Protein backbone atom coordinates (compact mmCIF):
# COMPACT_ATOMS: atom_id res chain seq x y z
CA MET A 1 -10.06 -7.16 -1.28
CA ASN A 2 -7.92 -9.62 0.65
CA ASP A 3 -4.84 -7.98 2.16
CA ARG A 4 -2.50 -10.67 0.88
CA ILE A 5 -3.80 -10.27 -2.67
CA ILE A 6 -3.19 -6.53 -2.46
CA ARG A 7 0.37 -7.10 -1.30
CA LEU A 8 0.99 -9.65 -4.04
CA ALA A 9 -0.36 -7.20 -6.61
CA ILE A 10 2.11 -4.54 -5.47
CA LEU A 11 4.96 -7.04 -5.72
CA ILE A 12 3.94 -7.98 -9.27
CA LEU A 13 3.73 -4.29 -10.23
CA ALA A 14 7.16 -3.62 -8.68
CA VAL A 15 8.69 -6.47 -10.72
CA GLY A 16 6.95 -5.24 -13.89
CA PHE A 17 8.16 -1.71 -13.22
CA ALA A 18 11.74 -2.91 -12.79
CA ALA A 19 11.52 -4.91 -16.03
CA SER A 20 10.40 -1.92 -18.10
CA PRO A 21 13.93 -0.57 -18.80
CA ILE A 22 14.95 -3.95 -20.21
CA ILE A 23 12.10 -3.86 -22.69
CA SER A 24 12.71 -0.19 -23.56
CA ASN A 25 16.54 -0.21 -23.57
CA GLY A 26 16.71 2.11 -20.55
CA PHE A 27 16.48 5.87 -20.18
CA GLY A 28 19.23 8.41 -19.56
CA GLY A 29 17.42 11.63 -20.27
CA PHE A 30 15.35 13.19 -23.05
CA TYR A 31 16.69 13.56 -26.59
CA ARG A 32 16.80 16.93 -28.36
CA GLU A 33 15.49 15.33 -31.54
CA SER A 34 12.17 14.60 -29.79
CA PHE A 35 11.23 18.29 -29.69
CA PRO A 36 10.34 20.93 -32.27
CA VAL A 37 12.65 23.47 -30.61
CA GLN A 38 16.13 21.99 -30.19
CA VAL A 39 18.71 23.50 -27.84
CA ASP A 40 22.27 22.56 -26.98
CA ARG A 41 21.29 21.35 -23.52
CA TRP A 42 18.65 21.54 -20.82
CA PRO A 43 20.12 23.05 -17.64
CA ALA A 44 17.70 21.18 -15.35
CA GLN A 45 18.55 17.72 -16.68
CA PRO A 46 21.04 15.76 -14.51
CA VAL A 47 24.22 14.23 -15.85
CA GLY A 48 23.68 10.79 -17.37
CA TRP A 49 25.16 8.70 -14.56
CA ALA A 50 22.66 10.17 -12.08
CA PHE A 51 19.95 8.00 -13.66
CA SER A 52 21.77 4.93 -12.31
CA ILE A 53 19.83 5.47 -9.08
CA TRP A 54 16.98 3.65 -10.79
CA GLY A 55 18.79 0.35 -10.29
CA LEU A 56 18.75 0.86 -6.53
CA ILE A 57 15.14 2.05 -6.58
CA TYR A 58 13.97 -1.02 -8.52
CA LEU A 59 15.78 -3.47 -6.24
CA ALA A 60 14.64 -1.71 -3.07
CA LEU A 61 11.00 -1.61 -4.17
CA ILE A 62 10.99 -5.30 -5.08
CA ALA A 63 12.71 -6.26 -1.81
CA THR A 64 10.27 -4.22 0.27
CA ALA A 65 7.25 -5.49 -1.65
CA ALA A 66 8.45 -9.07 -1.16
CA MET A 67 8.92 -8.47 2.55
CA ALA A 68 5.41 -7.01 2.70
CA VAL A 69 4.07 -10.30 1.33
CA LEU A 70 6.21 -12.57 3.52
CA ARG A 71 6.13 -10.49 6.70
CA PRO A 72 2.94 -8.42 6.73
CA ALA A 73 3.28 -7.67 10.45
CA ALA A 74 6.54 -5.81 9.70
CA THR A 75 4.84 -3.58 7.12
CA PRO A 76 1.47 -2.59 8.63
CA GLY A 77 1.14 0.51 6.44
CA TRP A 78 1.69 -1.29 3.15
CA SER A 79 -2.02 -1.89 2.55
CA ARG A 80 -2.84 1.75 3.26
CA ALA A 81 -0.24 2.80 0.70
CA ALA A 82 -1.23 0.19 -1.88
CA LEU A 83 -3.61 2.26 -4.02
CA PRO A 84 -1.38 5.30 -4.69
CA LEU A 85 1.76 3.17 -4.90
CA GLY A 86 0.13 0.67 -7.22
CA LEU A 87 -1.10 3.46 -9.49
CA SER A 88 2.37 5.01 -9.57
CA LEU A 89 4.05 1.69 -10.41
CA PHE A 90 1.47 0.83 -13.05
CA ILE A 91 2.02 4.13 -14.85
CA GLY A 92 5.75 3.68 -14.42
CA MET A 93 5.74 0.42 -16.37
CA PHE A 94 4.93 2.42 -19.51
CA TRP A 95 6.82 5.61 -18.73
CA ILE A 96 10.17 4.92 -20.37
CA GLU A 97 8.58 3.93 -23.66
CA ALA A 98 6.45 7.08 -23.54
CA ALA A 99 9.51 9.22 -22.76
CA MET A 100 11.33 7.86 -25.79
CA ARG A 101 8.41 8.39 -28.16
CA ALA A 102 6.20 11.14 -26.71
CA PRO A 103 7.89 13.39 -24.12
CA VAL A 104 4.76 15.48 -23.53
CA LEU A 105 2.76 12.37 -22.70
CA ALA A 106 5.59 11.15 -20.48
CA THR A 107 5.56 14.47 -18.62
CA VAL A 108 1.81 14.19 -18.06
CA MET A 109 2.38 10.64 -16.80
CA ILE A 110 5.21 11.43 -14.39
CA LEU A 111 3.16 13.92 -12.39
CA PRO A 112 0.65 11.35 -11.07
CA MET A 113 3.53 8.90 -10.68
CA ALA A 114 5.26 11.35 -8.35
CA ALA A 115 2.05 12.31 -6.55
CA GLY A 116 1.19 8.65 -5.98
CA ALA A 117 4.67 7.89 -4.66
CA VAL A 118 4.58 10.81 -2.21
CA MET A 119 1.06 9.91 -1.08
CA ALA A 120 2.11 6.30 -0.54
CA MET A 121 5.17 7.38 1.42
CA ARG A 122 3.02 9.52 3.70
CA ARG A 123 0.76 6.54 4.47
CA LEU A 124 3.58 4.22 5.47
CA GLY A 125 4.66 3.61 9.06
CA PRO A 126 7.75 4.84 10.90
CA ALA A 127 9.87 1.71 10.38
CA TRP A 128 12.63 2.37 7.83
CA ARG A 129 12.25 -1.13 6.36
CA GLU A 130 8.75 -0.16 5.30
CA HIS A 131 9.27 3.34 3.96
CA ALA A 132 12.91 3.59 2.81
CA ALA A 133 12.40 2.30 -0.75
CA VAL A 134 9.25 4.31 -1.39
CA GLY A 135 10.93 7.41 0.05
CA LEU A 136 13.85 7.13 -2.37
CA TYR A 137 11.44 6.54 -5.26
CA ALA A 138 9.30 9.52 -4.28
CA GLY A 139 12.30 11.79 -3.81
CA TRP A 140 13.76 11.06 -7.23
CA LEU A 141 10.35 11.44 -8.89
CA THR A 142 9.81 14.80 -7.20
CA ALA A 143 12.96 16.10 -8.88
CA ALA A 144 12.35 14.22 -12.14
CA SER A 145 8.91 15.80 -12.50
CA GLY A 146 10.45 19.26 -12.44
CA VAL A 147 13.09 18.23 -14.96
CA ALA A 148 10.48 16.82 -17.32
CA VAL A 149 8.28 19.91 -17.19
CA SER A 150 11.23 22.25 -17.73
CA VAL A 151 12.44 20.22 -20.72
CA VAL A 152 8.99 20.17 -22.32
CA LEU A 153 8.51 23.91 -21.80
CA THR A 154 11.84 24.57 -23.47
CA GLY A 155 11.40 21.95 -26.19
CA HIS A 156 8.12 23.55 -27.27
CA GLY A 157 9.39 27.12 -27.11
CA VAL A 158 7.33 28.21 -24.11
CA LEU A 159 10.33 29.33 -22.04
CA PRO A 160 14.07 29.72 -22.65
CA PRO A 161 16.18 26.88 -21.19
CA ARG A 162 17.61 28.72 -18.17
CA ILE A 163 14.33 30.41 -17.23
CA ALA A 164 12.51 27.08 -17.39
CA ALA A 165 15.25 25.42 -15.35
CA ILE A 166 15.26 28.07 -12.62
CA ALA A 167 11.47 28.13 -12.39
CA LEU A 168 11.05 24.38 -12.14
CA ILE A 169 14.01 23.86 -9.80
CA GLY A 170 12.34 26.42 -7.54
CA VAL A 171 9.04 24.51 -7.65
CA VAL A 172 10.82 21.22 -6.93
CA LEU A 173 12.56 22.73 -3.92
CA LEU A 174 9.31 24.12 -2.51
CA VAL A 175 7.62 20.73 -2.81
CA ALA A 176 10.64 18.77 -1.56
CA VAL A 177 11.16 20.92 1.52
CA ALA A 178 7.46 20.74 2.43
CA VAL A 179 7.30 16.96 2.00
CA ALA A 180 10.61 16.33 3.79
CA ALA A 181 9.57 18.53 6.71
CA ASN A 182 6.29 16.64 6.98
CA ARG A 183 8.00 13.23 7.18
CA PRO A 184 11.42 14.00 8.68
CA ALA A 185 12.21 10.37 9.52
CA ILE A 186 12.15 9.35 5.87
CA TRP A 187 15.68 10.42 5.05
CA THR A 188 15.64 8.47 1.79
CA TYR A 189 13.19 11.00 0.35
CA ARG A 190 15.73 13.75 0.91
CA ALA A 191 18.45 11.49 -0.49
CA GLY A 192 16.52 10.99 -3.73
CA VAL A 193 16.02 14.72 -4.25
CA ILE A 194 19.62 15.53 -3.33
CA TRP A 195 21.00 12.90 -5.72
CA ALA A 196 19.06 14.51 -8.56
CA LEU A 197 20.27 17.99 -7.58
CA VAL A 198 23.88 16.79 -7.43
CA GLY A 199 23.42 15.37 -10.93
CA VAL A 200 22.22 18.77 -12.13
CA ILE A 201 25.12 20.50 -10.39
CA VAL A 202 27.68 18.24 -12.11
CA ALA A 203 26.05 18.75 -15.51
CA ASN A 204 26.09 22.53 -15.08
CA LEU A 205 29.63 22.70 -13.73
CA ALA A 206 30.75 20.92 -16.89
CA ALA A 207 28.87 23.55 -18.92
CA ARG A 208 30.21 26.39 -16.71
CA ASP A 209 26.69 27.45 -15.84
CA TRP A 210 27.52 28.71 -12.38
CA LEU A 211 24.07 30.18 -11.74
CA ILE A 212 22.14 26.92 -12.10
CA ALA A 213 24.87 25.01 -10.25
CA GLY A 214 24.73 27.53 -7.42
CA ILE A 215 20.94 27.40 -7.17
CA CYS A 216 21.04 23.62 -6.97
CA ALA A 217 23.82 23.70 -4.38
CA ALA A 218 21.69 26.00 -2.24
CA GLY A 219 18.80 23.61 -2.85
CA VAL A 220 20.85 20.69 -1.54
CA MET A 221 21.42 22.59 1.70
CA MET A 222 17.72 23.45 1.97
CA VAL A 223 16.64 19.84 1.51
CA MET A 224 19.30 18.61 3.95
CA VAL A 225 17.92 20.77 6.77
CA ALA A 226 14.24 20.49 5.78
CA HIS A 227 13.66 17.75 8.36
CA ARG A 228 14.45 20.27 11.10
CA LEU A 229 11.46 22.39 10.14
CA VAL A 230 8.22 21.87 12.06
CA PRO A 231 5.12 21.79 9.83
CA LEU A 232 1.69 22.73 11.05
CA ASP A 233 0.15 19.85 13.06
CA THR A 234 1.16 17.23 10.54
CA LYS A 235 4.66 16.22 11.60
CA ARG A 236 5.06 12.46 11.71
CA GLY A 237 7.86 9.96 12.14
């Protein structure tokens, strides 16, 4: 397929993805009423204002996709990243509506969204103008995937809220540290994960859940220094 057509397709998907909250009235976290087992709160879910990062992610993705169309020489890796990024954005156009109506389906959807975003990020070049937006998107989705799984496990009575939160926060940190260490130059990936963790910390401080807040605070430090780790033969950027 023609490279310009591929780049235009990604731009169209980015615009469609950004328009999805308008159609679905936005998303600020799962609702207790959507689950058979209802609890007072989910310890892994960030405070509501943390979801405002989506505004920045949408704008950054559209701006980068537009630049990729207008200045292809400045974004040489965009075509290599097109397939996983396009898949992630396409799923993302329907994610909010799914989250409002069918949280289990939304959780199944967010996993390939996150995987596609991380894969796309890894295929992009070292220039920050090319990878910054995708890095932020991938970082937030890494954390959001863990939140979604923990909420669904609790909402269907598989695990108690705190156990699910601790387990999935641990998984998120393992993945985030590995990915961040592999692409240390993409600081926006770390920023996306850290923003989510800070949102969880604030939510748990308000609930006086010092254990979850402490785990997330330690996680912030881990992600902050992850870029100093040297992975096996795969370090780039």
